[in-house]
Amino acid sequence: MAPPTSTCTAALDVALLPLFRHDVDWAQLRAVGKGRRSPLAALVPEEGEHLMQLADIGRIAGVGRAAAAQWRRRLPGFPASSGGKGTNPYLRTADVIQWLLAHRKLTMPSAAC
């Protein structure tokens, strides 16, 4: 018999939702009272690869787009572009998050599921 499974959402996934789910009214979500069903329960996971730009990287790391551009030019191992133009590239979100965490540019709360 297989052990029971439970859904565990990583803090990072939740933190990045506003960047990728523009269909959610975030002001309404924040106003949901205790004991009320969250509108997040109705979200369906999106398929495909998530991409972000330098401005998105700066936003989640708490710096400006220029700082993210400097990291891209000067620091080793910055993720390669997956599209876009030279000054406005698209990068794979998973690669960017791994790089930010590895270079201590982003800290995530530790929580057990």
PDB file of N, CA and C in Angstrom:
ATOM      1  N   MET A   1       0.844  -1.171   0.000  1.00  0.00           N
ATOM      2  CA  MET A   1       0.000   0.000   0.000  1.00  0.00           C
ATOM      3  C   MET A   1       0.892   1.239   0.000  1.00  0.00           C
ATOM      4  N   ALA A   2       0.581   2.184  -0.851  1.00  0.00           N
ATOM      5  CA  ALA A   2       1.370   3.409  -0.960  1.00  0.00           C
ATOM      6  C   ALA A   2       1.065   4.345   0.205  1.00  0.00           C
ATOM      7  N   PRO A   3       2.095   5.047   0.675  1.00  0.00           N
ATOM      8  CA  PRO A   3       1.857   5.996   1.760  1.00  0.00           C
ATOM      9  C   PRO A   3       0.986   7.150   1.278  1.00  0.00           C
ATOM     10  N   PRO A   4       0.235   7.767   2.176  1.00  0.00           N
ATOM     11  CA  PRO A   4      -0.594   8.905   1.759  1.00  0.00           C
ATOM     12  C   PRO A   4       0.292  10.068   1.322  1.00  0.00           C
ATOM     13  N   THR A   5      -0.202  10.835   0.401  1.00  0.00           N
ATOM     14  CA  THR A   5       0.553  11.988  -0.076  1.00  0.00           C
ATOM     15  C   THR A   5      -0.158  13.270   0.348  1.00  0.00           C
ATOM     16  N   SER A   6       0.612  14.306   0.475  1.00  0.00           N
ATOM     17  CA  SER A   6       0.033  15.610   0.788  1.00  0.00           C
ATOM     18  C   SER A   6       0.675  16.645  -0.124  1.00  0.00           C
ATOM     19  N   THR A   7      -0.053  17.700  -0.373  1.00  0.00           N
ATOM     20  CA  THR A   7       0.466  18.766  -1.212  1.00  0.00           C
ATOM     21  C   THR A   7       1.260  19.728  -0.347  1.00  0.00           C
ATOM     22  N   CYS A   8       2.448  20.041  -0.809  1.00  0.00           N
ATOM     23  CA  CYS A   8       3.300  20.979  -0.086  1.00  0.00           C
ATOM     24  C   CYS A   8       3.772  22.015  -1.095  1.00  0.00           C
ATOM     25  N   THR A   9       3.429  23.248  -0.870  1.00  0.00           N
ATOM     26  CA  THR A   9       3.834  24.316  -1.760  1.00  0.00           C
ATOM     27  C   THR A   9       5.070  24.987  -1.191  1.00  0.00           C
ATOM     28  N   ALA A  10       6.101  25.062  -1.975  1.00  0.00           N
ATOM     29  CA  ALA A  10       7.337  25.710  -1.529  1.00  0.00           C
ATOM     30  C   ALA A  10       7.097  27.200  -1.352  1.00  0.00           C
ATOM     31  N   ALA A  11       7.768  27.782  -0.368  1.00  0.00           N
ATOM     32  CA  ALA A  11       7.639  29.222  -0.116  1.00  0.00           C
ATOM     33  C   ALA A  11       8.006  30.017  -1.361  1.00  0.00           C
ATOM     34  N   LEU A  12       8.979  29.529  -2.110  1.00  0.00           N
ATOM     35  CA  LEU A  12       9.396  30.221  -3.315  1.00  0.00           C
ATOM     36  C   LEU A  12       8.281  30.258  -4.347  1.00  0.00           C
ATOM     37  N   ASP A  13       7.565  29.149  -4.513  1.00  0.00           N
ATOM     38  CA  ASP A  13       6.456  29.115  -5.456  1.00  0.00           C
ATOM     39  C   ASP A  13       5.405  30.154  -5.099  1.00  0.00           C
ATOM     40  N   VAL A  14       5.105  30.271  -3.821  1.00  0.00           N
ATOM     41  CA  VAL A  14       4.109  31.240  -3.373  1.00  0.00           C
ATOM     42  C   VAL A  14       4.624  32.657  -3.570  1.00  0.00           C
ATOM     43  N   ALA A  15       5.888  32.901  -3.256  1.00  0.00           N
ATOM     44  CA  ALA A  15       6.463  34.237  -3.390  1.00  0.00           C
ATOM     45  C   ALA A  15       6.476  34.714  -4.839  1.00  0.00           C
ATOM     46  N   LEU A  16       6.612  33.792  -5.775  1.00  0.00           N
ATOM     47  CA  LEU A  16       6.687  34.163  -7.189  1.00  0.00           C
ATOM     48  C   LEU A  16       5.330  34.248  -7.876  1.00  0.00           C
ATOM     49  N   LEU A  17       4.268  33.849  -7.201  1.00  0.00           N
ATOM     50  CA  LEU A  17       2.948  33.854  -7.829  1.00  0.00           C
ATOM     51  C   LEU A  17       2.567  35.203  -8.446  1.00  0.00           C
ATOM     52  N   PRO A  18       2.750  36.331  -7.755  1.00  0.00           N
ATOM     53  CA  PRO A  18       2.340  37.604  -8.372  1.00  0.00           C
ATOM     54  C   PRO A  18       3.055  37.925  -9.676  1.00  0.00           C
ATOM     55  N   LEU A  19       4.258  37.380  -9.865  1.00  0.00           N
ATOM     56  CA  LEU A  19       4.978  37.632 -11.115  1.00  0.00           C
ATOM     57  C   LEU A  19       4.377  36.882 -12.295  1.00  0.00           C
ATOM     58  N   PHE A  20       3.777  35.742 -12.023  1.00  0.00           N
ATOM     59  CA  PHE A  20       3.335  34.878 -13.107  1.00  0.00           C
ATOM     60  C   PHE A  20       1.829  34.730 -13.226  1.00  0.00           C
ATOM     61  N   ARG A  21       1.109  35.039 -12.175  1.00  0.00           N
ATOM     62  CA  ARG A  21      -0.345  34.876 -12.211  1.00  0.00           C
ATOM     63  C   ARG A  21      -1.013  36.246 -12.189  1.00  0.00           C
ATOM     64  N   HIS A  22      -1.034  36.879 -13.350  1.00  0.00           N
ATOM     65  CA  HIS A  22      -1.632  38.199 -13.476  1.00  0.00           C
ATOM     66  C   HIS A  22      -3.149  38.128 -13.438  1.00  0.00           C
ATOM     67  N   ASP A  23      -3.703  36.914 -13.537  1.00  0.00           N
ATOM     68  CA  ASP A  23      -5.149  36.744 -13.527  1.00  0.00           C
ATOM     69  C   ASP A  23      -5.735  36.791 -12.123  1.00  0.00           C
ATOM     70  N   VAL A  24      -4.896  36.871 -11.095  1.00  0.00           N
ATOM     71  CA  VAL A  24      -5.360  36.884  -9.713  1.00  0.00           C
ATOM     72  C   VAL A  24      -5.456  38.325  -9.218  1.00  0.00           C
ATOM     73  N   ASP A  25      -6.562  38.656  -8.566  1.00  0.00           N
ATOM     74  CA  ASP A  25      -6.728  39.965  -7.937  1.00  0.00           C
ATOM     75  C   ASP A  25      -6.057  39.880  -6.569  1.00  0.00           C
ATOM     76  N   TRP A  26      -4.796  40.306  -6.498  1.00  0.00           N
ATOM     77  CA  TRP A  26      -3.997  40.141  -5.286  1.00  0.00           C
ATOM     78  C   TRP A  26      -4.515  41.000  -4.138  1.00  0.00           C
ATOM     79  N   ALA A  27      -5.108  42.150  -4.433  1.00  0.00           N
ATOM     80  CA  ALA A  27      -5.686  42.986  -3.373  1.00  0.00           C
ATOM     81  C   ALA A  27      -6.860  42.256  -2.722  1.00  0.00           C
ATOM     82  N   GLN A  28      -7.695  41.613  -3.547  1.00  0.00           N
ATOM     83  CA  GLN A  28      -8.825  40.849  -3.017  1.00  0.00           C
ATOM     84  C   GLN A  28      -8.319  39.663  -2.201  1.00  0.00           C
ATOM     85  N   LEU A  29      -7.289  39.022  -2.671  1.00  0.00           N
ATOM     86  CA  LEU A  29      -6.738  37.867  -1.970  1.00  0.00           C
ATOM     87  C   LEU A  29      -6.232  38.261  -0.581  1.00  0.00           C
ATOM     88  N   ARG A  30      -5.556  39.389  -0.504  1.00  0.00           N
ATOM     89  CA  ARG A  30      -5.028  39.837   0.792  1.00  0.00           C
ATOM     90  C   ARG A  30      -6.139  40.238   1.757  1.00  0.00           C
ATOM     91  N   ALA A  31      -7.335  40.542   1.223  1.00  0.00           N
ATOM     92  CA  ALA A  31      -8.458  40.969   2.060  1.00  0.00           C
ATOM     93  C   ALA A  31      -9.310  39.807   2.558  1.00  0.00           C
ATOM     94  N   VAL A  32      -9.002  38.581   2.165  1.00  0.00           N
ATOM     95  CA  VAL A  32      -9.791  37.422   2.588  1.00  0.00           C
ATOM     96  C   VAL A  32      -9.635  37.246   4.096  1.00  0.00           C
ATOM     97  N   GLY A  33     -10.751  37.191   4.782  1.00  0.00           N
ATOM     98  CA  GLY A  33     -10.716  37.051   6.237  1.00  0.00           C
ATOM     99  C   GLY A  33     -10.359  35.648   6.681  1.00  0.00           C
ATOM    100  N   LYS A  34     -10.016  35.536   7.960  1.00  0.00           N
ATOM    101  CA  LYS A  34      -9.683  34.234   8.531  1.00  0.00           C
ATOM    102  C   LYS A  34     -10.891  33.309   8.434  1.00  0.00           C
ATOM    103  N   GLY A  35     -10.607  32.063   8.110  1.00  0.00           N
ATOM    104  CA  GLY A  35     -11.670  31.069   8.004  1.00  0.00           C
ATOM    105  C   GLY A  35     -12.398  31.067   6.674  1.00  0.00           C
ATOM    106  N   ARG A  36     -12.037  31.959   5.765  1.00  0.00           N
ATOM    107  CA  ARG A  36     -12.666  32.028   4.442  1.00  0.00           C
ATOM    108  C   ARG A  36     -11.812  31.258   3.444  1.00  0.00           C
ATOM    109  N   ARG A  37     -12.432  30.704   2.430  1.00  0.00           N
ATOM    110  CA  ARG A  37     -11.705  29.941   1.411  1.00  0.00           C
ATOM    111  C   ARG A  37     -10.882  30.897   0.548  1.00  0.00           C
ATOM    112  N   SER A  38      -9.622  30.595   0.382  1.00  0.00           N
ATOM    113  CA  SER A  38      -8.725  31.418  -0.407  1.00  0.00           C
ATOM    114  C   SER A  38      -8.993  31.247  -1.895  1.00  0.00           C
ATOM    115  N   PRO A  39      -8.965  32.346  -2.660  1.00  0.00           N
ATOM    116  CA  PRO A  39      -9.096  32.232  -4.116  1.00  0.00           C
ATOM    117  C   PRO A  39      -7.961  31.430  -4.747  1.00  0.00           C
ATOM    118  N   LEU A  40      -6.830  31.275  -4.029  1.00  0.00           N
ATOM    119  CA  LEU A  40      -5.726  30.480  -4.569  1.00  0.00           C
ATOM    120  C   LEU A  40      -6.122  29.019  -4.742  1.00  0.00           C
ATOM    121  N   ALA A  41      -7.112  28.569  -3.997  1.00  0.00           N
ATOM    122  CA  ALA A  41      -7.536  27.173  -4.093  1.00  0.00           C
ATOM    123  C   ALA A  41      -8.085  26.845  -5.476  1.00  0.00           C
ATOM    124  N   ALA A  42      -8.543  27.855  -6.203  1.00  0.00           N
ATOM    125  CA  ALA A  42      -9.109  27.623  -7.528  1.00  0.00           C
ATOM    126  C   ALA A  42      -8.082  27.693  -8.653  1.00  0.00           C
ATOM    127  N   LEU A  43      -6.846  28.049  -8.350  1.00  0.00           N
ATOM    128  CA  LEU A  43      -5.827  28.156  -9.398  1.00  0.00           C
ATOM    129  C   LEU A  43      -5.451  26.794  -9.952  1.00  0.00           C
ATOM    130  N   VAL A  44      -5.247  26.754 -11.234  1.00  0.00           N
ATOM    131  CA  VAL A  44      -4.795  25.542 -11.910  1.00  0.00           C
ATOM    132  C   VAL A  44      -3.329  25.765 -12.282  1.00  0.00           C
ATOM    133  N   PRO A  45      -2.451  24.807 -11.973  1.00  0.00           N
ATOM    134  CA  PRO A  45      -1.036  24.991 -12.332  1.00  0.00           C
ATOM    135  C   PRO A  45      -0.867  25.219 -13.827  1.00  0.00           C
ATOM    136  N   GLU A  46       0.016  26.138 -14.179  1.00  0.00           N
ATOM    137  CA  GLU A  46       0.289  26.416 -15.581  1.00  0.00           C
ATOM    138  C   GLU A  46       1.312  25.427 -16.109  1.00  0.00           C
ATOM    139  N   GLU A  47       1.143  25.052 -17.333  1.00  0.00           N
ATOM    140  CA  GLU A  47       2.074  24.143 -17.988  1.00  0.00           C
ATOM    141  C   GLU A  47       3.157  24.952 -18.691  1.00  0.00           C
ATOM    142  N   GLY A  48       4.277  24.324 -18.927  1.00  0.00           N
ATOM    143  CA  GLY A  48       5.324  24.963 -19.706  1.00  0.00           C
ATOM    144  C   GLY A  48       6.406  25.583 -18.853  1.00  0.00           C
ATOM    145  N   GLU A  49       7.329  26.201 -19.537  1.00  0.00           N
ATOM    146  CA  GLU A  49       8.502  26.774 -18.903  1.00  0.00           C
ATOM    147  C   GLU A  49       8.223  28.221 -18.501  1.00  0.00           C
ATOM    148  N   HIS A  50       8.591  28.566 -17.288  1.00  0.00           N
ATOM    149  CA  HIS A  50       8.438  29.939 -16.824  1.00  0.00           C
ATOM    150  C   HIS A  50       9.709  30.710 -17.136  1.00  0.00           C
ATOM    151  N   LEU A  51       9.519  31.884 -17.721  1.00  0.00           N
ATOM    152  CA  LEU A  51      10.651  32.735 -18.062  1.00  0.00           C
ATOM    153  C   LEU A  51      10.523  34.068 -17.335  1.00  0.00           C
ATOM    154  N   MET A  52      11.655  34.695 -17.073  1.00  0.00           N
ATOM    155  CA  MET A  52      11.638  36.006 -16.438  1.00  0.00           C
ATOM    156  C   MET A  52      12.672  36.905 -17.076  1.00  0.00           C
ATOM    157  N   GLN A  53      12.526  38.206 -16.838  1.00  0.00           N
ATOM    158  CA  GLN A  53      13.463  39.177 -17.372  1.00  0.00           C
ATOM    159  C   GLN A  53      14.270  39.780 -16.224  1.00  0.00           C
ATOM    160  N   LEU A  54      15.238  40.603 -16.570  1.00  0.00           N
ATOM    161  CA  LEU A  54      16.118  41.190 -15.560  1.00  0.00           C
ATOM    162  C   LEU A  54      15.342  42.017 -14.538  1.00  0.00           C
ATOM    163  N   ALA A  55      14.313  42.720 -14.959  1.00  0.00           N
ATOM    164  CA  ALA A  55      13.504  43.505 -14.015  1.00  0.00           C
ATOM    165  C   ALA A  55      12.822  42.593 -13.000  1.00  0.00           C
ATOM    166  N   ASP A  56      12.359  41.416 -13.446  1.00  0.00           N
ATOM    167  CA  ASP A  56      11.739  40.448 -12.533  1.00  0.00           C
ATOM    168  C   ASP A  56      12.769  39.935 -11.523  1.00  0.00           C
ATOM    169  N   ILE A  57      13.975  39.675 -12.001  1.00  0.00           N
ATOM    170  CA  ILE A  57      15.044  39.192 -11.123  1.00  0.00           C
ATOM    171  C   ILE A  57      15.346  40.242 -10.058  1.00  0.00           C
ATOM    172  N   GLY A  58      15.477  41.490 -10.480  1.00  0.00           N
ATOM    173  CA  GLY A  58      15.723  42.563  -9.530  1.00  0.00           C
ATOM    174  C   GLY A  58      14.605  42.684  -8.505  1.00  0.00           C
ATOM    175  N   ARG A  59      13.365  42.552  -8.959  1.00  0.00           N
ATOM    176  CA  ARG A  59      12.218  42.687  -8.064  1.00  0.00           C
ATOM    177  C   ARG A  59      12.231  41.631  -6.969  1.00  0.00           C
ATOM    178  N   ILE A  60      12.460  40.372  -7.335  1.00  0.00           N
ATOM    179  CA  ILE A  60      12.412  39.329  -6.307  1.00  0.00           C
ATOM    180  C   ILE A  60      13.661  39.317  -5.431  1.00  0.00           C
ATOM    181  N   ALA A  61      14.761  39.890  -5.930  1.00  0.00           N
ATOM    182  CA  ALA A  61      15.990  39.949  -5.132  1.00  0.00           C
ATOM    183  C   ALA A  61      16.095  41.245  -4.333  1.00  0.00           C
ATOM    184  N   GLY A  62      15.142  42.158  -4.549  1.00  0.00           N
ATOM    185  CA  GLY A  62      15.150  43.404  -3.797  1.00  0.00           C
ATOM    186  C   GLY A  62      16.147  44.429  -4.291  1.00  0.00           C
ATOM    187  N   VAL A  63      16.494  44.349  -5.575  1.00  0.00           N
ATOM    188  CA  VAL A  63      17.415  45.311  -6.184  1.00  0.00           C
ATOM    189  C   VAL A  63      16.776  45.811  -7.478  1.00  0.00           C
ATOM    190  N   GLY A  64      17.440  46.714  -8.152  1.00  0.00           N
ATOM    191  CA  GLY A  64      16.925  47.220  -9.417  1.00  0.00           C
ATOM    192  C   GLY A  64      17.342  46.351 -10.599  1.00  0.00           C
ATOM    193  N   ARG A  65      16.781  46.662 -11.750  1.00  0.00           N
ATOM    194  CA  ARG A  65      17.111  45.946 -12.972  1.00  0.00           C
ATOM    195  C   ARG A  65      18.589  46.099 -13.306  1.00  0.00           C
ATOM    196  N   ALA A  66      19.143  47.289 -13.043  1.00  0.00           N
ATOM    197  CA  ALA A  66      20.559  47.539 -13.347  1.00  0.00           C
ATOM    198  C   ALA A  66      21.471  46.603 -12.555  1.00  0.00           C
ATOM    199  N   ALA A  67      21.131  46.345 -11.302  1.00  0.00           N
ATOM    200  CA  ALA A  67      21.952  45.429 -10.492  1.00  0.00           C
ATOM    201  C   ALA A  67      21.887  44.021 -11.068  1.00  0.00           C
ATOM    202  N   ALA A  68      20.710  43.598 -11.486  1.00  0.00           N
ATOM    203  CA  ALA A  68      20.579  42.266 -12.093  1.00  0.00           C
ATOM    204  C   ALA A  68      21.386  42.188 -13.388  1.00  0.00           C
ATOM    205  N   ALA A  69      21.403  43.271 -14.163  1.00  0.00           N
ATOM    206  CA  ALA A  69      22.196  43.308 -15.400  1.00  0.00           C
ATOM    207  C   ALA A  69      23.690  43.219 -15.087  1.00  0.00           C
ATOM    208  N   GLN A  70      24.116  43.871 -14.012  1.00  0.00           N
ATOM    209  CA  GLN A  70      25.523  43.794 -13.602  1.00  0.00           C
ATOM    210  C   GLN A  70      25.890  42.369 -13.193  1.00  0.00           C
ATOM    211  N   TRP A  71      25.021  41.709 -12.444  1.00  0.00           N
ATOM    212  CA  TRP A  71      25.274  40.312 -12.055  1.00  0.00           C
ATOM    213  C   TRP A  71      25.453  39.468 -13.300  1.00  0.00           C
ATOM    214  N   ARG A  72      24.596  39.699 -14.280  1.00  0.00           N
ATOM    215  CA  ARG A  72      24.646  38.917 -15.526  1.00  0.00           C
ATOM    216  C   ARG A  72      25.983  39.094 -16.226  1.00  0.00           C
ATOM    217  N   ARG A  73      26.496  40.318 -16.235  1.00  0.00           N
ATOM    218  CA  ARG A  73      27.762  40.603 -16.925  1.00  0.00           C
ATOM    219  C   ARG A  73      28.988  40.189 -16.123  1.00  0.00           C
ATOM    220  N   ARG A  74      28.936  40.349 -14.815  1.00  0.00           N
ATOM    221  CA  ARG A  74      30.161  40.244 -14.019  1.00  0.00           C
ATOM    222  C   ARG A  74      30.321  38.992 -13.170  1.00  0.00           C
ATOM    223  N   LEU A  75      29.225  38.350 -12.801  1.00  0.00           N
ATOM    224  CA  LEU A  75      29.355  37.216 -11.889  1.00  0.00           C
ATOM    225  C   LEU A  75      29.309  35.891 -12.644  1.00  0.00           C
ATOM    226  N   PRO A  76      30.122  34.944 -12.218  1.00  0.00           N
ATOM    227  CA  PRO A  76      30.215  33.666 -12.932  1.00  0.00           C
ATOM    228  C   PRO A  76      28.955  32.819 -12.792  1.00  0.00           C
ATOM    229  N   GLY A  77      28.676  32.090 -13.835  1.00  0.00           N
ATOM    230  CA  GLY A  77      27.604  31.107 -13.797  1.00  0.00           C
ATOM    231  C   GLY A  77      26.202  31.654 -13.895  1.00  0.00           C
ATOM    232  N   PHE A  78      26.054  32.951 -14.209  1.00  0.00           N
ATOM    233  CA  PHE A  78      24.706  33.500 -14.332  1.00  0.00           C
ATOM    234  C   PHE A  78      23.979  32.744 -15.446  1.00  0.00           C
ATOM    235  N   PRO A  79      22.706  32.429 -15.255  1.00  0.00           N
ATOM    236  CA  PRO A  79      21.982  31.629 -16.247  1.00  0.00           C
ATOM    237  C   PRO A  79      22.007  32.235 -17.646  1.00  0.00           C
ATOM    238  N   ALA A  80      22.071  31.364 -18.615  1.00  0.00           N
ATOM    239  CA  ALA A  80      22.085  31.788 -20.015  1.00  0.00           C
ATOM    240  C   ALA A  80      20.691  32.209 -20.453  1.00  0.00           C
ATOM    241  N   SER A  81      20.657  33.067 -21.431  1.00  0.00           N
ATOM    242  CA  SER A  81      19.401  33.549 -21.991  1.00  0.00           C
ATOM    243  C   SER A  81      18.655  32.421 -22.691  1.00  0.00           C
ATOM    244  N   SER A  82      17.332  32.427 -22.557  1.00  0.00           N
ATOM    245  CA  SER A  82      16.492  31.447 -23.252  1.00  0.00           C
ATOM    246  C   SER A  82      15.660  32.118 -24.330  1.00  0.00           C
ATOM    247  N   GLY A  83      16.021  33.333 -24.663  1.00  0.00           N
ATOM    248  CA  GLY A  83      15.271  34.076 -25.670  1.00  0.00           C
ATOM    249  C   GLY A  83      15.404  35.563 -25.418  1.00  0.00           C
ATOM    250  N   GLY A  84      14.668  36.329 -26.178  1.00  0.00           N
ATOM    251  CA  GLY A  84      14.724  37.779 -26.033  1.00  0.00           C
ATOM    252  C   GLY A  84      15.919  38.364 -26.755  1.00  0.00           C
ATOM    253  N   LYS A  85      16.159  39.632 -26.495  1.00  0.00           N
ATOM    254  CA  LYS A  85      17.273  40.330 -27.139  1.00  0.00           C
ATOM    255  C   LYS A  85      18.422  40.480 -26.170  1.00  0.00           C
ATOM    256  N   GLY A  86      19.576  40.879 -26.658  1.00  0.00           N
ATOM    257  CA  GLY A  86      20.780  40.984 -25.854  1.00  0.00           C
ATOM    258  C   GLY A  86      20.626  41.784 -24.577  1.00  0.00           C
ATOM    259  N   THR A  87      19.975  42.952 -24.655  1.00  0.00           N
ATOM    260  CA  THR A  87      19.818  43.786 -23.468  1.00  0.00           C
ATOM    261  C   THR A  87      18.539  43.484 -22.697  1.00  0.00           C
ATOM    262  N   ASN A  88      17.668  42.679 -23.254  1.00  0.00           N
ATOM    263  CA  ASN A  88      16.407  42.349 -22.602  1.00  0.00           C
ATOM    264  C   ASN A  88      16.127  40.852 -22.743  1.00  0.00           C
ATOM    265  N   PRO A  89      16.971  40.024 -22.122  1.00  0.00           N
ATOM    266  CA  PRO A  89      16.841  38.576 -22.304  1.00  0.00           C
ATOM    267  C   PRO A  89      15.721  37.971 -21.459  1.00  0.00           C
ATOM    268  N   TYR A  90      15.283  36.805 -21.874  1.00  0.00           N
ATOM    269  CA  TYR A  90      14.388  35.975 -21.082  1.00  0.00           C
ATOM    270  C   TYR A  90      15.227  34.836 -20.522  1.00  0.00           C
ATOM    271  N   LEU A  91      15.065  34.573 -19.222  1.00  0.00           N
ATOM    272  CA  LEU A  91      15.839  33.517 -18.571  1.00  0.00           C
ATOM    273  C   LEU A  91      14.891  32.552 -17.885  1.00  0.00           C
ATOM    274  N   ARG A  92      15.286  31.288 -17.819  1.00  0.00           N
ATOM    275  CA  ARG A  92      14.468  30.272 -17.155  1.00  0.00           C
ATOM    276  C   ARG A  92      14.410  30.569 -15.660  1.00  0.00           C
ATOM    277  N   THR A  93      13.202  30.660 -15.123  1.00  0.00           N
ATOM    278  CA  THR A  93      13.008  31.003 -13.717  1.00  0.00           C
ATOM    279  C   THR A  93      13.713  30.027 -12.789  1.00  0.00           C
ATOM    280  N   ALA A  94      13.615  28.742 -13.059  1.00  0.00           N
ATOM    281  CA  ALA A  94      14.243  27.745 -12.184  1.00  0.00           C
ATOM    282  C   ALA A  94      15.755  27.958 -12.114  1.00  0.00           C
ATOM    283  N   ASP A  95      16.385  28.251 -13.253  1.00  0.00           N
ATOM    284  CA  ASP A  95      17.832  28.489 -13.278  1.00  0.00           C
ATOM    285  C   ASP A  95      18.201  29.760 -12.506  1.00  0.00           C
ATOM    286  N   VAL A  96      17.393  30.794 -12.687  1.00  0.00           N
ATOM    287  CA  VAL A  96      17.651  32.063 -12.009  1.00  0.00           C
ATOM    288  C   VAL A  96      17.541  31.893 -10.493  1.00  0.00           C
ATOM    289  N   ILE A  97      16.499  31.225 -10.039  1.00  0.00           N
ATOM    290  CA  ILE A  97      16.291  31.039  -8.600  1.00  0.00           C
ATOM    291  C   ILE A  97      17.443  30.237  -8.005  1.00  0.00           C
ATOM    292  N   GLN A  98      17.869  29.192  -8.685  1.00  0.00           N
ATOM    293  CA  GLN A  98      19.003  28.406  -8.200  1.00  0.00           C
ATOM    294  C   GLN A  98      20.255  29.269  -8.094  1.00  0.00           C
ATOM    295  N   TRP A  99      20.493  30.101  -9.099  1.00  0.00           N
ATOM    296  CA  TRP A  99      21.672  30.967  -9.086  1.00  0.00           C
ATOM    297  C   TRP A  99      21.573  31.988  -7.951  1.00  0.00           C
ATOM    298  N   LEU A 100      20.412  32.616  -7.792  1.00  0.00           N
ATOM    299  CA  LEU A 100      20.231  33.608  -6.726  1.00  0.00           C
ATOM    300  C   LEU A 100      20.474  32.992  -5.350  1.00  0.00           C
ATOM    301  N   LEU A 101      19.947  31.809  -5.134  1.00  0.00           N
ATOM    302  CA  LEU A 101      20.139  31.140  -3.847  1.00  0.00           C
ATOM    303  C   LEU A 101      21.607  30.759  -3.635  1.00  0.00           C
ATOM    304  N   ALA A 102      22.251  30.230  -4.678  1.00  0.00           N
ATOM    305  CA  ALA A 102      23.647  29.805  -4.573  1.00  0.00           C
ATOM    306  C   ALA A 102      24.585  30.988  -4.295  1.00  0.00           C
ATOM    307  N   HIS A 103      24.236  32.164  -4.794  1.00  0.00           N
ATOM    308  CA  HIS A 103      25.077  33.346  -4.618  1.00  0.00           C
ATOM    309  C   HIS A 103      24.567  34.253  -3.498  1.00  0.00           C
ATOM    310  N   ARG A 104      23.672  33.728  -2.701  1.00  0.00           N
ATOM    311  CA  ARG A 104      23.124  34.445  -1.532  1.00  0.00           C
ATOM    312  C   ARG A 104      22.542  35.807  -1.884  1.00  0.00           C
ATOM    313  N   LYS A 105      21.901  35.860  -3.029  1.00  0.00           N
ATOM    314  CA  LYS A 105      21.230  37.081  -3.459  1.00  0.00           C
ATOM    315  C   LYS A 105      19.749  37.043  -3.090  1.00  0.00           C
ATOM    316  N   LEU A 106      19.305  35.875  -2.655  1.00  0.00           N
ATOM    317  CA  LEU A 106      17.903  35.679  -2.311  1.00  0.00           C
ATOM    318  C   LEU A 106      17.870  34.730  -1.128  1.00  0.00           C
ATOM    319  N   THR A 107      17.136  35.067  -0.114  1.00  0.00           N
ATOM    320  CA  THR A 107      17.010  34.179   1.031  1.00  0.00           C
ATOM    321  C   THR A 107      15.559  33.759   1.158  1.00  0.00           C
ATOM    322  N   MET A 108      15.367  32.517   1.466  1.00  0.00           N
ATOM    323  CA  MET A 108      14.017  31.979   1.612  1.00  0.00           C
ATOM    324  C   MET A 108      13.850  31.481   3.030  1.00  0.00           C
ATOM    325  N   PRO A 109      12.666  31.686   3.599  1.00  0.00           N
ATOM    326  CA  PRO A 109      12.425  31.159   4.944  1.00  0.00           C
ATOM    327  C   PRO A 109      12.457  29.642   4.889  1.00  0.00           C
ATOM    328  N   SER A 110      12.987  29.033   5.934  1.00  0.00           N
ATOM    329  CA  SER A 110      13.001  27.584   5.973  1.00  0.00           C
ATOM    330  C   SER A 110      11.762  27.115   6.707  1.00  0.00           C
ATOM    331  N   ALA A 111      11.061  26.200   6.065  1.00  0.00           N
ATOM    332  CA  ALA A 111       9.842  25.661   6.674  1.00  0.00           C
ATOM    333  C   ALA A 111       9.726  24.209   6.245  1.00  0.00           C
ATOM    334  N   ALA A 112       9.346  23.379   7.153  1.00  0.00           N
ATOM    335  CA  ALA A 112       9.143  21.975   6.832  1.00  0.00           C
ATOM    336  C   ALA A 112       7.704  21.757   6.406  1.00  0.00           C
ATOM    337  N   CYS A 113       7.530  20.851   5.493  1.00  0.00           N
ATOM    338  CA  CYS A 113       6.178  20.538   5.025  1.00  0.00           C
ATOM    339  C   CYS A 113       5.642  19.362   5.810  1.00  0.00           C
TER     340      CYS A 113
END
